[in-house]
mmCIF file of all heavy atoms, coordinates in Angstrom:
data_MODEL
# 
_entry.id   MODEL 
# 
loop_
_atom_site.group_PDB 
_atom_site.id 
_atom_site.type_symbol 
_atom_site.label_atom_id 
_atom_site.label_alt_id 
_atom_site.label_comp_id 
_atom_site.label_asym_id 
_atom_site.label_entity_id 
_atom_site.label_seq_id 
_atom_site.pdbx_PDB_ins_code 
_atom_site.Cartn_x 
_atom_site.Cartn_y 
_atom_site.Cartn_z 
_atom_site.occupancy 
_atom_site.B_iso_or_equiv 
_atom_site.pdbx_formal_charge 
_atom_site.auth_seq_id 
_atom_site.auth_comp_id 
_atom_site.auth_asym_id 
_atom_site.auth_atom_id 
_atom_site.pdbx_PDB_model_num 
ATOM 1   N N   . SER A 1 1  ? 30.062 -15.566 -54.836 1.00 0.00 ? 1  SER A N   1 
ATOM 2   C CA  . SER A 1 1  ? 30.125 -15.590 -56.306 1.00 0.00 ? 1  SER A CA  1 
ATOM 3   C C   . SER A 1 1  ? 29.840 -14.222 -56.917 1.00 0.00 ? 1  SER A C   1 
ATOM 4   O O   . SER A 1 1  ? 30.234 -13.954 -58.059 1.00 0.00 ? 1  SER A O   1 
ATOM 5   C CB  . SER A 1 1  ? 29.130 -16.611 -56.863 1.00 0.00 ? 1  SER A CB  1 
ATOM 6   O OG  . SER A 1 1  ? 27.811 -16.302 -56.450 1.00 0.00 ? 1  SER A OG  1 
ATOM 7   N N   . LEU A 1 2  ? 29.173 -13.345 -56.171 1.00 0.00 ? 2  LEU A N   1 
ATOM 8   C CA  . LEU A 1 2  ? 28.853 -12.023 -56.707 1.00 0.00 ? 2  LEU A CA  1 
ATOM 9   C C   . LEU A 1 2  ? 30.091 -11.147 -56.865 1.00 0.00 ? 2  LEU A C   1 
ATOM 10  O O   . LEU A 1 2  ? 30.056 -10.149 -57.592 1.00 0.00 ? 2  LEU A O   1 
ATOM 11  C CB  . LEU A 1 2  ? 27.812 -11.319 -55.829 1.00 0.00 ? 2  LEU A CB  1 
ATOM 12  C CG  . LEU A 1 2  ? 26.412 -11.954 -55.876 1.00 0.00 ? 2  LEU A CG  1 
ATOM 13  C CD1 . LEU A 1 2  ? 25.453 -11.248 -54.948 1.00 0.00 ? 2  LEU A CD1 1 
ATOM 14  C CD2 . LEU A 1 2  ? 25.866 -11.937 -57.294 1.00 0.00 ? 2  LEU A CD2 1 
ATOM 15  N N   . PHE A 1 3  ? 31.201 -11.517 -56.206 1.00 0.00 ? 3  PHE A N   1 
ATOM 16  C CA  . PHE A 1 3  ? 32.441 -10.790 -56.426 1.00 0.00 ? 3  PHE A CA  1 
ATOM 17  C C   . PHE A 1 3  ? 32.984 -11.038 -57.835 1.00 0.00 ? 3  PHE A C   1 
ATOM 18  O O   . PHE A 1 3  ? 33.864 -10.320 -58.297 1.00 0.00 ? 3  PHE A O   1 
ATOM 19  C CB  . PHE A 1 3  ? 33.497 -11.206 -55.388 1.00 0.00 ? 3  PHE A CB  1 
ATOM 20  C CG  . PHE A 1 3  ? 33.354 -10.517 -54.053 1.00 0.00 ? 3  PHE A CG  1 
ATOM 21  C CD1 . PHE A 1 3  ? 32.443 -10.973 -53.118 1.00 0.00 ? 3  PHE A CD1 1 
ATOM 22  C CD2 . PHE A 1 3  ? 34.134 -9.413  -53.735 1.00 0.00 ? 3  PHE A CD2 1 
ATOM 23  C CE1 . PHE A 1 3  ? 32.314 -10.352 -51.885 1.00 0.00 ? 3  PHE A CE1 1 
ATOM 24  C CE2 . PHE A 1 3  ? 34.012 -8.777  -52.503 1.00 0.00 ? 3  PHE A CE2 1 
ATOM 25  C CZ  . PHE A 1 3  ? 33.095 -9.247  -51.575 1.00 0.00 ? 3  PHE A CZ  1 
ATOM 26  N N   . LYS A 1 4  ? 32.452 -12.058 -58.519 1.00 0.00 ? 4  LYS A N   1 
ATOM 27  C CA  . LYS A 1 4  ? 32.861 -12.324 -59.898 1.00 0.00 ? 4  LYS A CA  1 
ATOM 28  C C   . LYS A 1 4  ? 32.087 -11.465 -60.893 1.00 0.00 ? 4  LYS A C   1 
ATOM 29  O O   . LYS A 1 4  ? 32.590 -11.158 -61.977 1.00 0.00 ? 4  LYS A O   1 
ATOM 30  C CB  . LYS A 1 4  ? 32.649 -13.798 -60.237 1.00 0.00 ? 4  LYS A CB  1 
ATOM 31  C CG  . LYS A 1 4  ? 33.557 -14.749 -59.475 1.00 0.00 ? 4  LYS A CG  1 
ATOM 32  C CD  . LYS A 1 4  ? 33.320 -16.192 -59.910 1.00 0.00 ? 4  LYS A CD  1 
ATOM 33  C CE  . LYS A 1 4  ? 34.265 -17.150 -59.202 1.00 0.00 ? 4  LYS A CE  1 
ATOM 34  N NZ  . LYS A 1 4  ? 34.069 -18.553 -59.634 1.00 0.00 ? 4  LYS A NZ  1 
ATOM 35  N N   . SER A 1 5  ? 30.875 -11.111 -60.544 1.00 0.00 ? 5  SER A N   1 
ATOM 36  C CA  . SER A 1 5  ? 29.999 -10.452 -61.516 1.00 0.00 ? 5  SER A CA  1 
ATOM 37  C C   . SER A 1 5  ? 29.654 -9.005  -61.172 1.00 0.00 ? 5  SER A C   1 
ATOM 38  O O   . SER A 1 5  ? 29.107 -8.292  -62.012 1.00 0.00 ? 5  SER A O   1 
ATOM 39  C CB  . SER A 1 5  ? 28.691 -11.246 -61.652 1.00 0.00 ? 5  SER A CB  1 
ATOM 40  O OG  . SER A 1 5  ? 28.072 -11.411 -60.382 1.00 0.00 ? 5  SER A OG  1 
ATOM 41  N N   . HIS A 1 6  ? 29.955 -8.575  -59.946 1.00 0.00 ? 6  HIS A N   1 
ATOM 42  C CA  . HIS A 1 6  ? 29.584 -7.231  -59.519 1.00 0.00 ? 6  HIS A CA  1 
ATOM 43  C C   . HIS A 1 6  ? 30.755 -6.544  -58.814 1.00 0.00 ? 6  HIS A C   1 
ATOM 44  O O   . HIS A 1 6  ? 31.641 -7.205  -58.276 1.00 0.00 ? 6  HIS A O   1 
ATOM 45  C CB  . HIS A 1 6  ? 28.391 -7.276  -58.559 1.00 0.00 ? 6  HIS A CB  1 
ATOM 46  C CG  . HIS A 1 6  ? 27.128 -7.775  -59.184 1.00 0.00 ? 6  HIS A CG  1 
ATOM 47  N ND1 . HIS A 1 6  ? 26.924 -9.100  -59.483 1.00 0.00 ? 6  HIS A ND1 1 
ATOM 48  C CD2 . HIS A 1 6  ? 26.008 -7.120  -59.577 1.00 0.00 ? 6  HIS A CD2 1 
ATOM 49  C CE1 . HIS A 1 6  ? 25.727 -9.249  -60.032 1.00 0.00 ? 6  HIS A CE1 1 
ATOM 50  N NE2 . HIS A 1 6  ? 25.153 -8.068  -60.109 1.00 0.00 ? 6  HIS A NE2 1 
ATOM 51  N N   . LYS A 1 7  ? 30.714 -5.230  -58.811 1.00 0.00 ? 7  LYS A N   1 
ATOM 52  C CA  . LYS A 1 7  ? 31.696 -4.432  -58.072 1.00 0.00 ? 7  LYS A CA  1 
ATOM 53  C C   . LYS A 1 7  ? 31.134 -4.225  -56.672 1.00 0.00 ? 7  LYS A C   1 
ATOM 54  O O   . LYS A 1 7  ? 30.172 -3.470  -56.476 1.00 0.00 ? 7  LYS A O   1 
ATOM 55  C CB  . LYS A 1 7  ? 31.910 -3.098  -58.794 1.00 0.00 ? 7  LYS A CB  1 
ATOM 56  C CG  . LYS A 1 7  ? 33.150 -2.336  -58.373 1.00 0.00 ? 7  LYS A CG  1 
ATOM 57  C CD  . LYS A 1 7  ? 33.362 -1.138  -59.300 1.00 0.00 ? 7  LYS A CD  1 
ATOM 58  C CE  . LYS A 1 7  ? 34.643 -0.398  -58.956 1.00 0.00 ? 7  LYS A CE  1 
ATOM 59  N NZ  . LYS A 1 7  ? 34.887 0.719   -59.903 1.00 0.00 ? 7  LYS A NZ  1 
ATOM 60  N N   . ILE A 1 8  ? 31.709 -4.912  -55.707 1.00 0.00 ? 8  ILE A N   1 
ATOM 61  C CA  . ILE A 1 8  ? 31.178 -4.899  -54.332 1.00 0.00 ? 8  ILE A CA  1 
ATOM 62  C C   . ILE A 1 8  ? 31.902 -3.809  -53.552 1.00 0.00 ? 8  ILE A C   1 
ATOM 63  O O   . ILE A 1 8  ? 33.020 -4.000  -53.067 1.00 0.00 ? 8  ILE A O   1 
ATOM 64  C CB  . ILE A 1 8  ? 31.362 -6.278  -53.646 1.00 0.00 ? 8  ILE A CB  1 
ATOM 65  C CG1 . ILE A 1 8  ? 30.855 -7.410  -54.551 1.00 0.00 ? 8  ILE A CG1 1 
ATOM 66  C CG2 . ILE A 1 8  ? 30.677 -6.293  -52.297 1.00 0.00 ? 8  ILE A CG2 1 
ATOM 67  C CD1 . ILE A 1 8  ? 29.384 -7.360  -54.866 1.00 0.00 ? 8  ILE A CD1 1 
ATOM 68  N N   . LEU A 1 9  ? 31.264 -2.654  -53.406 1.00 0.00 ? 9  LEU A N   1 
ATOM 69  C CA  . LEU A 1 9  ? 31.884 -1.513  -52.736 1.00 0.00 ? 9  LEU A CA  1 
ATOM 70  C C   . LEU A 1 9  ? 30.905 -0.816  -51.810 1.00 0.00 ? 9  LEU A C   1 
ATOM 71  O O   . LEU A 1 9  ? 29.743 -0.624  -52.147 1.00 0.00 ? 9  LEU A O   1 
ATOM 72  C CB  . LEU A 1 9  ? 32.402 -0.510  -53.766 1.00 0.00 ? 9  LEU A CB  1 
ATOM 73  C CG  . LEU A 1 9  ? 33.835 -0.690  -54.284 1.00 0.00 ? 9  LEU A CG  1 
ATOM 74  C CD1 . LEU A 1 9  ? 34.111 0.311   -55.399 1.00 0.00 ? 9  LEU A CD1 1 
ATOM 75  C CD2 . LEU A 1 9  ? 34.827 -0.508  -53.152 1.00 0.00 ? 9  LEU A CD2 1 
ATOM 76  N N   . SER A 1 10 ? 31.403 -0.428  -50.637 1.00 0.00 ? 10 SER A N   1 
ATOM 77  C CA  . SER A 1 10 ? 30.611 0.371   -49.695 1.00 0.00 ? 10 SER A CA  1 
ATOM 78  C C   . SER A 1 10 ? 31.249 1.737   -49.511 1.00 0.00 ? 10 SER A C   1 
ATOM 79  O O   . SER A 1 10 ? 31.103 2.370   -48.477 1.00 0.00 ? 10 SER A O   1 
ATOM 80  C CB  . SER A 1 10 ? 30.525 -0.340  -48.336 1.00 0.00 ? 10 SER A CB  1 
ATOM 81  O OG  . SER A 1 10 ? 29.893 -1.582  -48.457 1.00 0.00 ? 10 SER A OG  1 
ATOM 82  N N   . SER A 1 11 ? 31.963 2.168   -50.535 1.00 0.00 ? 11 SER A N   1 
ATOM 83  C CA  . SER A 1 11 ? 32.690 3.430   -50.474 1.00 0.00 ? 11 SER A CA  1 
ATOM 84  C C   . SER A 1 11 ? 32.727 4.048   -51.850 1.00 0.00 ? 11 SER A C   1 
ATOM 85  O O   . SER A 1 11 ? 32.726 3.346   -52.858 1.00 0.00 ? 11 SER A O   1 
ATOM 86  C CB  . SER A 1 11 ? 34.116 3.186   -49.968 1.00 0.00 ? 11 SER A CB  1 
ATOM 87  O OG  . SER A 1 11 ? 34.915 4.340   -50.115 1.00 0.00 ? 11 SER A OG  1 
ATOM 88  N N   . GLU A 1 12 ? 32.746 5.375   -51.884 1.00 0.00 ? 12 GLU A N   1 
ATOM 89  C CA  . GLU A 1 12 ? 32.861 6.074   -53.161 1.00 0.00 ? 12 GLU A CA  1 
ATOM 90  C C   . GLU A 1 12 ? 34.318 6.340   -53.525 1.00 0.00 ? 12 GLU A C   1 
ATOM 91  O O   . GLU A 1 12 ? 34.610 6.866   -54.605 1.00 0.00 ? 12 GLU A O   1 
ATOM 92  C CB  . GLU A 1 12 ? 32.085 7.393   -53.107 1.00 0.00 ? 12 GLU A CB  1 
ATOM 93  C CG  . GLU A 1 12 ? 30.570 7.193   -52.991 1.00 0.00 ? 12 GLU A CG  1 
ATOM 94  C CD  . GLU A 1 12 ? 29.812 8.502   -53.019 1.00 0.00 ? 12 GLU A CD  1 
ATOM 95  O OE1 . GLU A 1 12 ? 30.470 9.562   -53.056 1.00 0.00 ? 12 GLU A OE1 1 
ATOM 96  O OE2 . GLU A 1 12 ? 28.564 8.469   -53.003 1.00 0.00 ? 12 GLU A OE2 1 
ATOM 97  N N   . ALA A 1 13 ? 35.233 5.972   -52.621 1.00 0.00 ? 13 ALA A N   1 
ATOM 98  C CA  . ALA A 1 13 ? 36.658 6.178   -52.885 1.00 0.00 ? 13 ALA A CA  1 
ATOM 99  C C   . ALA A 1 13 ? 37.133 5.238   -53.992 1.00 0.00 ? 13 ALA A C   1 
ATOM 100 O O   . ALA A 1 13 ? 36.566 4.160   -54.206 1.00 0.00 ? 13 ALA A O   1 
ATOM 101 C CB  . ALA A 1 13 ? 37.465 5.936   -51.613 1.00 0.00 ? 13 ALA A CB  1 
ATOM 102 N N   . SER A 1 14 ? 38.164 5.652   -54.692 1.00 0.00 ? 14 SER A N   1 
ATOM 103 C CA  . SER A 1 14 ? 38.744 4.810   -55.741 1.00 0.00 ? 14 SER A CA  1 
ATOM 104 C C   . SER A 1 14 ? 39.551 3.687   -55.108 1.00 0.00 ? 14 SER A C   1 
ATOM 105 O O   . SER A 1 14 ? 40.126 3.837   -54.027 1.00 0.00 ? 14 SER A O   1 
ATOM 106 C CB  . SER A 1 14 ? 39.658 5.646   -56.636 1.00 0.00 ? 14 SER A CB  1 
ATOM 107 O OG  . SER A 1 14 ? 38.931 6.677   -57.275 1.00 0.00 ? 14 SER A OG  1 
ATOM 108 N N   . ALA A 1 15 ? 39.590 2.563   -55.793 1.00 0.00 ? 15 ALA A N   1 
ATOM 109 C CA  . ALA A 1 15 ? 40.344 1.418   -55.286 1.00 0.00 ? 15 ALA A CA  1 
ATOM 110 C C   . ALA A 1 15 ? 41.851 1.685   -55.394 1.00 0.00 ? 15 ALA A C   1 
ATOM 111 O O   . ALA A 1 15 ? 42.337 2.116   -56.435 1.00 0.00 ? 15 ALA A O   1 
ATOM 112 C CB  . ALA A 1 15 ? 39.981 0.166   -56.059 1.00 0.00 ? 15 ALA A CB  1 
ATOM 113 N N   . GLU A 1 16 ? 42.572 1.440   -54.299 1.00 0.00 ? 16 GLU A N   1 
ATOM 114 C CA  . GLU A 1 16 ? 44.029 1.532   -54.318 1.00 0.00 ? 16 GLU A CA  1 
ATOM 115 C C   . GLU A 1 16 ? 44.631 0.306   -54.996 1.00 0.00 ? 16 GLU A C   1 
ATOM 116 O O   . GLU A 1 16 ? 45.704 0.371   -55.580 1.00 0.00 ? 16 GLU A O   1 
ATOM 117 C CB  . GLU A 1 16 ? 44.574 1.660   -52.896 1.00 0.00 ? 16 GLU A CB  1 
ATOM 118 C CG  . GLU A 1 16 ? 44.234 2.986   -52.223 1.00 0.00 ? 16 GLU A CG  1 
ATOM 119 C CD  . GLU A 1 16 ? 44.888 3.110   -50.859 1.00 0.00 ? 16 GLU A CD  1 
ATOM 120 O OE1 . GLU A 1 16 ? 45.677 2.220   -50.474 1.00 0.00 ? 16 GLU A OE1 1 
ATOM 121 O OE2 . GLU A 1 16 ? 44.616 4.109   -50.178 1.00 0.00 ? 16 GLU A OE2 1 
ATOM 122 N N   . VAL A 1 17 ? 43.932 -0.807  -54.876 1.00 0.00 ? 17 VAL A N   1 
ATOM 123 C CA  . VAL A 1 17 ? 44.383 -2.044  -55.509 1.00 0.00 ? 17 VAL A CA  1 
ATOM 124 C C   . VAL A 1 17 ? 43.161 -2.909  -55.776 1.00 0.00 ? 17 VAL A C   1 
ATOM 125 O O   . VAL A 1 17 ? 42.142 -2.791  -55.077 1.00 0.00 ? 17 VAL A O   1 
ATOM 126 C CB  . VAL A 1 17 ? 45.396 -2.796  -54.610 1.00 0.00 ? 17 VAL A CB  1 
ATOM 127 C CG1 . VAL A 1 17 ? 44.735 -3.305  -53.346 1.00 0.00 ? 17 VAL A CG1 1 
ATOM 128 C CG2 . VAL A 1 17 ? 46.077 -3.938  -55.354 1.00 0.00 ? 17 VAL A CG2 1 
ATOM 129 N N   . ILE A 1 18 ? 43.236 -3.738  -56.799 1.00 0.00 ? 18 ILE A N   1 
ATOM 130 C CA  . ILE A 1 18 ? 42.177 -4.717  -57.066 1.00 0.00 ? 18 ILE A CA  1 
ATOM 131 C C   . ILE A 1 18 ? 42.810 -6.099  -56.940 1.00 0.00 ? 18 ILE A C   1 
ATOM 132 O O   . ILE A 1 18 ? 43.635 -6.495  -57.765 1.00 0.00 ? 18 ILE A O   1 
ATOM 133 C CB  . ILE A 1 18 ? 41.574 -4.534  -58.472 1.00 0.00 ? 18 ILE A CB  1 
ATOM 134 C CG1 . ILE A 1 18 ? 41.004 -3.125  -58.637 1.00 0.00 ? 18 ILE A CG1 1 
ATOM 135 C CG2 . ILE A 1 18 ? 40.474 -5.582  -58.700 1.00 0.00 ? 18 ILE A CG2 1 
ATOM 136 C CD1 . ILE A 1 18 ? 40.567 -2.806  -60.056 1.00 0.00 ? 18 ILE A CD1 1 
ATOM 137 N N   . PHE A 1 19 ? 42.438 -6.806  -55.881 1.00 0.00 ? 19 PHE A N   1 
ATOM 138 C CA  . PHE A 1 19 ? 42.916 -8.176  -55.719 1.00 0.00 ? 19 PHE A CA  1 
ATOM 139 C C   . PHE A 1 19 ? 42.017 -9.092  -56.537 1.00 0.00 ? 19 PHE A C   1 
ATOM 140 O O   . PHE A 1 19 ? 40.800 -8.880  -56.616 1.00 0.00 ? 19 PHE A O   1 
ATOM 141 C CB  . PHE A 1 19 ? 42.884 -8.595  -54.247 1.00 0.00 ? 19 PHE A CB  1 
ATOM 142 C CG  . PHE A 1 19 ? 43.911 -7.902  -53.400 1.00 0.00 ? 19 PHE A CG  1 
ATOM 143 C CD1 . PHE A 1 19 ? 43.553 -7.281  -52.215 1.00 0.00 ? 19 PHE A CD1 1 
ATOM 144 C CD2 . PHE A 1 19 ? 45.242 -7.880  -53.784 1.00 0.00 ? 19 PHE A CD2 1 
ATOM 145 C CE1 . PHE A 1 19 ? 44.504 -6.650  -51.424 1.00 0.00 ? 19 PHE A CE1 1 
ATOM 146 C CE2 . PHE A 1 19 ? 46.205 -7.252  -53.005 1.00 0.00 ? 19 PHE A CE2 1 
ATOM 147 C CZ  . PHE A 1 19 ? 45.830 -6.625  -51.815 1.00 0.00 ? 19 PHE A CZ  1 
ATOM 148 N N   . SER A 1 20 ? 42.608 -10.108 -57.151 1.00 0.00 ? 20 SER A N   1 
ATOM 149 C CA  . SER A 1 20 ? 41.821 -11.027 -57.973 1.00 0.00 ? 20 SER A CA  1 
ATOM 150 C C   . SER A 1 20 ? 42.166 -12.462 -57.607 1.00 0.00 ? 20 SER A C   1 
ATOM 151 O O   . SER A 1 20 ? 43.276 -12.772 -57.167 1.00 0.00 ? 20 SER A O   1 
ATOM 152 C CB  . SER A 1 20 ? 42.094 -10.789 -59.457 1.00 0.00 ? 20 SER A CB  1 
ATOM 153 O OG  . SER A 1 20 ? 43.472 -10.952 -59.751 1.00 0.00 ? 20 SER A OG  1 
ATOM 154 N N   . SER A 1 21 ? 41.187 -13.335 -57.788 1.00 0.00 ? 21 SER A N   1 
ATOM 155 C CA  . SER A 1 21 ? 41.372 -14.750 -57.473 1.00 0.00 ? 21 SER A CA  1 
ATOM 156 C C   . SER A 1 21 ? 42.055 -15.452 -58.633 1.00 0.00 ? 21 SER A C   1 
ATOM 157 O O   . SER A 1 21 ? 42.083 -14.959 -59.755 1.00 0.00 ? 21 SER A O   1 
ATOM 158 C CB  . SER A 1 21 ? 40.021 -15.412 -57.182 1.00 0.00 ? 21 SER A CB  1 
ATOM 159 O OG  . SER A 1 21 ? 39.191 -15.362 -58.337 1.00 0.00 ? 21 SER A OG  1 
ATOM 160 N N   . SER A 1 22 ? 42.590 -16.628 -58.349 1.00 0.00 ? 22 SER A N   1 
ATOM 161 C CA  . SER A 1 22 ? 43.139 -17.448 -59.427 1.00 0.00 ? 22 SER A CA  1 
ATOM 162 C C   . SER A 1 22 ? 41.984 -18.107 -60.154 1.00 0.00 ? 22 SER A C   1 
ATOM 163 O O   . SER A 1 22 ? 40.902 -18.291 -59.605 1.00 0.00 ? 22 SER A O   1 
ATOM 164 C CB  . SER A 1 22 ? 44.093 -18.504 -58.865 1.00 0.00 ? 22 SER A CB  1 
ATOM 165 O OG  . SER A 1 22 ? 43.421 -19.312 -57.925 1.00 0.00 ? 22 SER A OG  1 
ATOM 166 N N   . GLY A 1 23 ? 42.209 -18.476 -61.397 1.00 0.00 ? 23 GLY A N   1 
ATOM 167 C CA  . GLY A 1 23 ? 41.156 -19.126 -62.171 1.00 0.00 ? 23 GLY A CA  1 
ATOM 168 C C   . GLY A 1 23 ? 41.747 -19.807 -63.381 1.00 0.00 ? 23 GLY A C   1 
ATOM 169 O O   . GLY A 1 23 ? 42.794 -19.413 -63.886 1.00 0.00 ? 23 GLY A O   1 
ATOM 170 N N   . THR A 1 24 ? 41.065 -20.838 -63.847 1.00 0.00 ? 24 THR A N   1 
ATOM 171 C CA  . THR A 1 24 ? 41.516 -21.503 -65.061 1.00 0.00 ? 24 THR A CA  1 
ATOM 172 C C   . THR A 1 24 ? 41.165 -20.651 -66.269 1.00 0.00 ? 24 THR A C   1 
ATOM 173 O O   . THR A 1 24 ? 40.326 -19.759 -66.195 1.00 0.00 ? 24 THR A O   1 
ATOM 174 C CB  . THR A 1 24 ? 40.869 -22.892 -65.195 1.00 0.00 ? 24 THR A CB  1 
ATOM 175 O OG1 . THR A 1 24 ? 39.435 -22.733 -65.149 1.00 0.00 ? 24 THR A OG1 1 
ATOM 176 C CG2 . THR A 1 24 ? 41.302 -23.803 -64.065 1.00 0.00 ? 24 THR A CG2 1 
ATOM 177 N N   . THR A 1 25 ? 41.799 -20.916 -67.370 1.00 0.00 ? 25 THR A N   1 
ATOM 178 C CA  . THR A 1 25 ? 41.569 -20.144 -68.586 1.00 0.00 ? 25 THR A CA  1 
ATOM 179 C C   . THR A 1 25 ? 40.084 -20.156 -68.960 1.00 0.00 ? 25 THR A C   1 
ATOM 180 O O   . THR A 1 25 ? 39.460 -21.204 -69.028 1.00 0.00 ? 25 THR A O   1 
ATOM 181 C CB  . THR A 1 25 ? 42.393 -20.718 -69.750 1.00 0.00 ? 25 THR A CB  1 
ATOM 182 O OG1 . THR A 1 25 ? 43.765 -20.730 -69.367 1.00 0.00 ? 25 THR A OG1 1 
ATOM 183 C CG2 . THR A 1 25 ? 42.220 -19.878 -70.997 1.00 0.00 ? 25 THR A CG2 1 
ATOM 184 N N   . GLY A 1 26 ? 39.555 -18.958 -69.164 1.00 0.00 ? 26 GLY A N   1 
ATOM 185 C CA  . GLY A 1 26 ? 38.166 -18.852 -69.586 1.00 0.00 ? 26 GLY A CA  1 
ATOM 186 C C   . GLY A 1 26 ? 37.173 -18.711 -68.445 1.00 0.00 ? 26 GLY A C   1 
ATOM 187 O O   . GLY A 1 26 ? 36.006 -18.412 -68.684 1.00 0.00 ? 26 GLY A O   1 
ATOM 188 N N   . THR A 1 27 ? 37.631 -18.918 -67.217 1.00 0.00 ? 27 THR A N   1 
ATOM 189 C CA  . THR A 1 27 ? 36.712 -18.765 -66.088 1.00 0.00 ? 27 THR A CA  1 
ATOM 190 C C   . THR A 1 27 ? 36.788 -17.345 -65.552 1.00 0.00 ? 27 THR A C   1 
ATOM 191 O O   . THR A 1 27 ? 37.822 -16.686 -65.639 1.00 0.00 ? 27 THR A O   1 
ATOM 192 C CB  . THR A 1 27 ? 37.046 -19.752 -64.954 1.00 0.00 ? 27 THR A CB  1 
ATOM 193 O OG1 . THR A 1 27 ? 38.378 -19.480 -64.489 1.00 0.00 ? 27 THR A OG1 1 
ATOM 194 C CG2 . THR A 1 27 ? 36.947 -21.184 -65.433 1.00 0.00 ? 27 THR A CG2 1 
ATOM 195 N N   . GLN A 1 28 ? 35.680 -16.913 -64.991 1.00 0.00 ? 28 GLN A N   1 
ATOM 196 C CA  . GLN A 1 28 ? 35.610 -15.570 -64.434 1.00 0.00 ? 28 GLN A CA  1 
ATOM 197 C C   . GLN A 1 28 ? 36.226 -15.569 -63.044 1.00 0.00 ? 28 GLN A C   1 
ATOM 198 O O   . GLN A 1 28 ? 35.996 -16.476 -62.248 1.00 0.00 ? 28 GLN A O   1 
ATOM 199 C CB  . GLN A 1 28 ? 34.144 -15.125 -64.372 1.00 0.00 ? 28 GLN A CB  1 
ATOM 200 C CG  . GLN A 1 28 ? 33.955 -13.623 -64.282 1.00 0.00 ? 28 GLN A CG  1 
ATOM 201 C CD  . GLN A 1 28 ? 32.503 -13.223 -64.467 1.00 0.00 ? 28 GLN A CD  1 
ATOM 202 O OE1 . GLN A 1 28 ? 31.623 -14.076 -64.479 1.00 0.00 ? 28 GLN A OE1 1 
ATOM 203 N NE2 . GLN A 1 28 ? 32.241 -11.941 -64.605 1.00 0.00 ? 28 GLN A NE2 1 
ATOM 204 N N   . THR A 1 29 ? 37.040 -14.558 -62.742 1.00 0.00 ? 29 THR A N   1 
ATOM 205 C CA  . THR A 1 29 ? 37.693 -14.489 -61.444 1.00 0.00 ? 29 THR A CA  1 
ATOM 206 C C   . THR A 1 29 ? 37.008 -13.462 -60.552 1.00 0.00 ? 29 THR A C   1 
ATOM 207 O O   . THR A 1 29 ? 36.394 -12.513 -61.038 1.00 0.00 ? 29 THR A O   1 
ATOM 208 C CB  . THR A 1 29 ? 39.178 -14.114 -61.600 1.00 0.00 ? 29 THR A CB  1 
ATOM 209 O OG1 . THR A 1 29 ? 39.269 -12.849 -62.272 1.00 0.00 ? 29 THR A OG1 1 
ATOM 210 C CG2 . THR A 1 29 ? 39.922 -15.166 -62.405 1.00 0.00 ? 29 THR A CG2 1 
ATOM 211 N N   . SER A 1 30 ? 37.150 -13.662 -59.249 1.00 0.00 ? 30 SER A N   1 
ATOM 212 C CA  . SER A 1 30 ? 36.633 -12.690 -58.295 1.00 0.00 ? 30 SER A CA  1 
ATOM 213 C C   . SER A 1 30 ? 37.548 -11.482 -58.251 1.00 0.00 ? 30 SER A C   1 
ATOM 214 O O   . SER A 1 30 ? 38.774 -11.604 -58.377 1.00 0.00 ? 30 SER A O   1 
ATOM 215 C CB  . SER A 1 30 ? 36.557 -13.310 -56.904 1.00 0.00 ? 30 SER A CB  1 
ATOM 216 O OG  . SER A 1 30 ? 35.562 -14.294 -56.847 1.00 0.00 ? 30 SER A OG  1 
# 
């Protein structure tokens, strides 16, 4: 669930892509 509220990174490199989960309207996605 922390992937919904925090940026989980073990690298200082910039993200090449941000994958996101599906979610219903109004819900927070990973």
